[in-house]
Amino acid sequence: MGKRASEPERGADRRPAEDPGVDRQLEHAGEEWVARAIGWTRSGRWPDAGSPLLLVAFARAQEPSRFLHESLIVGESLAEVSTDDLLDGFARSKPYGKPATPGR
């Protein structure tokens, strides 16, 4: 059975994460942090693509390539995410690279 003409190609709405050099600075609890989008997906599936989600990694400003936390934040690019949403994402973050705890 062929696919319907109105059906998008599988993966057509995928795009690479932002340029690795695009960072956002933020301050949390008196400490300077760097936020970087390291992945991207959507929450839905065809025909409702759902919300765009960014996987954002957080590092201390002194060591910007050593990620310590990660969080999913709604948005298509880090540039469009508000500072408040970025801080909320940081507050909800889990340790970088650690599987999520069920029920969290």
C-alpha atoms as a PDB file:
ATOM      1  CA  MET A   1       0.000   0.000   0.000  1.00  0.00           C
ATOM      2  CA  GLY A   2       1.430   3.383  -1.012  1.00  0.00           C
ATOM      3  CA  LYS A   3       1.387   6.489   1.100  1.00  0.00           C
ATOM      4  CA  ARG A   4      -1.271   9.110   0.585  1.00  0.00           C
ATOM      5  CA  ALA A   5      -0.322  12.164  -1.463  1.00  0.00           C
ATOM      6  CA  SER A   6      -1.087  14.526   1.445  1.00  0.00           C
ATOM      7  CA  GLU A   7       1.182  12.613   3.823  1.00  0.00           C
ATOM      8  CA  PRO A   8       4.566  14.313   4.401  1.00  0.00           C
ATOM      9  CA  GLU A   9       7.769  12.376   3.873  1.00  0.00           C
ATOM     10  CA  ARG A  10       8.917  10.629   7.055  1.00  0.00           C
ATOM     11  CA  GLY A  11      11.340  12.933   8.809  1.00  0.00           C
ATOM     12  CA  ALA A  12      10.386  15.913   6.634  1.00  0.00           C
ATOM     13  CA  ASP A  13       9.751  18.091   9.695  1.00  0.00           C
ATOM     14  CA  ARG A  14      13.068  17.197  11.302  1.00  0.00           C
ATOM     15  CA  ARG A  15      15.899  19.669  11.384  1.00  0.00           C
ATOM     16  CA  PRO A  16      19.325  19.647  12.978  1.00  0.00           C
ATOM     17  CA  ALA A  17      19.935  21.288  16.346  1.00  0.00           C
ATOM     18  CA  GLU A  18      21.101  24.899  16.213  1.00  0.00           C
ATOM     19  CA  ASP A  19      24.639  25.859  15.390  1.00  0.00           C
ATOM     20  CA  PRO A  20      26.737  24.644  18.347  1.00  0.00           C
ATOM     21  CA  GLY A  21      28.192  28.148  18.673  1.00  0.00           C
ATOM     22  CA  VAL A  22      24.785  29.646  19.547  1.00  0.00           C
ATOM     23  CA  ASP A  23      24.590  29.938  23.341  1.00  0.00           C
ATOM     24  CA  ARG A  24      22.448  31.889  25.780  1.00  0.00           C
ATOM     25  CA  GLN A  25      23.808  33.297  29.028  1.00  0.00           C
ATOM     26  CA  LEU A  26      21.756  33.150  32.220  1.00  0.00           C
ATOM     27  CA  GLU A  27      22.196  33.663  35.926  1.00  0.00           C
ATOM     28  CA  HIS A  28      20.783  31.260  38.495  1.00  0.00           C
ATOM     29  CA  ALA A  29      21.361  31.474  42.259  1.00  0.00           C
ATOM     30  CA  GLY A  30      24.124  34.033  41.726  1.00  0.00           C
ATOM     31  CA  GLU A  31      26.048  31.802  39.297  1.00  0.00           C
ATOM     32  CA  GLU A  32      26.605  32.397  35.569  1.00  0.00           C
ATOM     33  CA  TRP A  33      25.472  29.590  33.236  1.00  0.00           C
ATOM     34  CA  VAL A  34      25.479  28.915  29.506  1.00  0.00           C
ATOM     35  CA  ALA A  35      22.519  27.256  27.768  1.00  0.00           C
ATOM     36  CA  ARG A  36      22.966  25.443  24.434  1.00  0.00           C
ATOM     37  CA  ALA A  37      20.385  23.669  22.258  1.00  0.00           C
ATOM     38  CA  ILE A  38      21.781  20.192  21.614  1.00  0.00           C
ATOM     39  CA  GLY A  39      18.717  18.501  20.114  1.00  0.00           C
ATOM     40  CA  TRP A  40      15.266  19.074  18.667  1.00  0.00           C
ATOM     41  CA  THR A  41      12.027  17.127  18.204  1.00  0.00           C
ATOM     42  CA  ARG A  42       8.247  17.569  18.132  1.00  0.00           C
ATOM     43  CA  SER A  43       5.772  16.268  20.706  1.00  0.00           C
ATOM     44  CA  GLY A  44       3.063  15.083  18.301  1.00  0.00           C
ATOM     45  CA  ARG A  45       2.728  12.943  15.243  1.00  0.00           C
ATOM     46  CA  TRP A  46       1.079  13.232  11.885  1.00  0.00           C
ATOM     47  CA  PRO A  47      -1.318  14.893  11.192  1.00  0.00           C
ATOM     48  CA  ASP A  48      -0.886  17.006  14.364  1.00  0.00           C
ATOM     49  CA  ALA A  49       2.816  17.778  14.582  1.00  0.00           C
ATOM     50  CA  GLY A  50       2.430  18.998  18.181  1.00  0.00           C
ATOM     51  CA  SER A  51       4.802  21.402  19.902  1.00  0.00           C
ATOM     52  CA  PRO A  52       8.450  21.905  18.981  1.00  0.00           C
ATOM     53  CA  LEU A  53      10.803  20.837  21.779  1.00  0.00           C
ATOM     54  CA  LEU A  54      14.449  21.753  22.319  1.00  0.00           C
ATOM     55  CA  LEU A  55      16.852  19.649  24.343  1.00  0.00           C
ATOM     56  CA  VAL A  56      18.886  22.287  26.159  1.00  0.00           C
ATOM     57  CA  ALA A  57      22.141  21.575  27.989  1.00  0.00           C
ATOM     58  CA  PHE A  58      23.451  23.848  30.749  1.00  0.00           C
ATOM     59  CA  ALA A  59      27.095  24.428  31.699  1.00  0.00           C
ATOM     60  CA  ARG A  60      28.834  26.817  34.051  1.00  0.00           C
ATOM     61  CA  ALA A  61      30.085  29.880  32.166  1.00  0.00           C
ATOM     62  CA  GLN A  62      33.702  29.080  33.162  1.00  0.00           C
ATOM     63  CA  GLU A  63      33.466  25.653  31.446  1.00  0.00           C
ATOM     64  CA  PRO A  64      30.932  26.106  28.610  1.00  0.00           C
ATOM     65  CA  SER A  65      31.641  22.747  26.965  1.00  0.00           C
ATOM     66  CA  ARG A  66      31.171  20.708  30.182  1.00  0.00           C
ATOM     67  CA  PHE A  67      27.411  20.183  30.408  1.00  0.00           C
ATOM     68  CA  LEU A  68      26.040  19.546  33.899  1.00  0.00           C
ATOM     69  CA  HIS A  69      22.238  19.718  33.397  1.00  0.00           C
ATOM     70  CA  GLU A  70      19.714  19.164  30.597  1.00  0.00           C
ATOM     71  CA  SER A  71      16.044  19.957  30.083  1.00  0.00           C
ATOM     72  CA  LEU A  72      13.328  19.904  27.406  1.00  0.00           C
ATOM     73  CA  ILE A  73      11.974  23.374  26.632  1.00  0.00           C
ATOM     74  CA  VAL A  74       9.161  24.291  24.244  1.00  0.00           C
ATOM     75  CA  GLY A  75      10.461  26.267  21.254  1.00  0.00           C
ATOM     76  CA  GLU A  76      11.947  26.009  17.784  1.00  0.00           C
ATOM     77  CA  SER A  77      15.164  27.857  18.565  1.00  0.00           C
ATOM     78  CA  LEU A  78      17.016  28.950  21.654  1.00  0.00           C
ATOM     79  CA  ALA A  79      16.811  32.553  20.441  1.00  0.00           C
ATOM     80  CA  GLU A  80      12.997  32.520  20.690  1.00  0.00           C
ATOM     81  CA  VAL A  81      12.873  31.064  24.225  1.00  0.00           C
ATOM     82  CA  SER A  82      12.213  33.730  26.857  1.00  0.00           C
ATOM     83  CA  THR A  83      14.634  34.173  29.739  1.00  0.00           C
ATOM     84  CA  ASP A  84      11.867  33.117  32.168  1.00  0.00           C
ATOM     85  CA  ASP A  85      11.243  29.894  30.212  1.00  0.00           C
ATOM     86  CA  LEU A  86      14.982  29.227  30.110  1.00  0.00           C
ATOM     87  CA  LEU A  87      15.228  29.686  33.896  1.00  0.00           C
ATOM     88  CA  ASP A  88      12.185  27.427  34.399  1.00  0.00           C
ATOM     89  CA  GLY A  89      13.870  24.804  32.211  1.00  0.00           C
ATOM     90  CA  PHE A  90      17.010  25.089  34.311  1.00  0.00           C
ATOM     91  CA  ALA A  91      14.980  24.679  37.528  1.00  0.00           C
ATOM     92  CA  ARG A  92      13.371  21.481  36.093  1.00  0.00           C
ATOM     93  CA  SER A  93      16.625  20.135  34.673  1.00  0.00           C
ATOM     94  CA  LYS A  94      18.144  16.766  35.448  1.00  0.00           C
ATOM     95  CA  PRO A  95      21.820  15.842  35.482  1.00  0.00           C
ATOM     96  CA  TYR A  96      23.231  15.788  31.944  1.00  0.00           C
ATOM     97  CA  GLY A  97      23.125  12.378  30.309  1.00  0.00           C
ATOM     98  CA  LYS A  98      21.271  10.677  33.189  1.00  0.00           C
ATOM     99  CA  PRO A  99      18.017   8.839  32.351  1.00  0.00           C
ATOM    100  CA  ALA A 100      14.874  10.556  33.628  1.00  0.00           C
ATOM    101  CA  THR A 101      13.329   9.287  36.845  1.00  0.00           C
ATOM    102  CA  PRO A 102       9.885   7.709  36.241  1.00  0.00           C
ATOM    103  CA  GLY A 103       7.063   9.966  37.415  1.00  0.00           C
ATOM    104  CA  ARG A 104       9.146  13.118  37.226  1.00  0.00           C
END
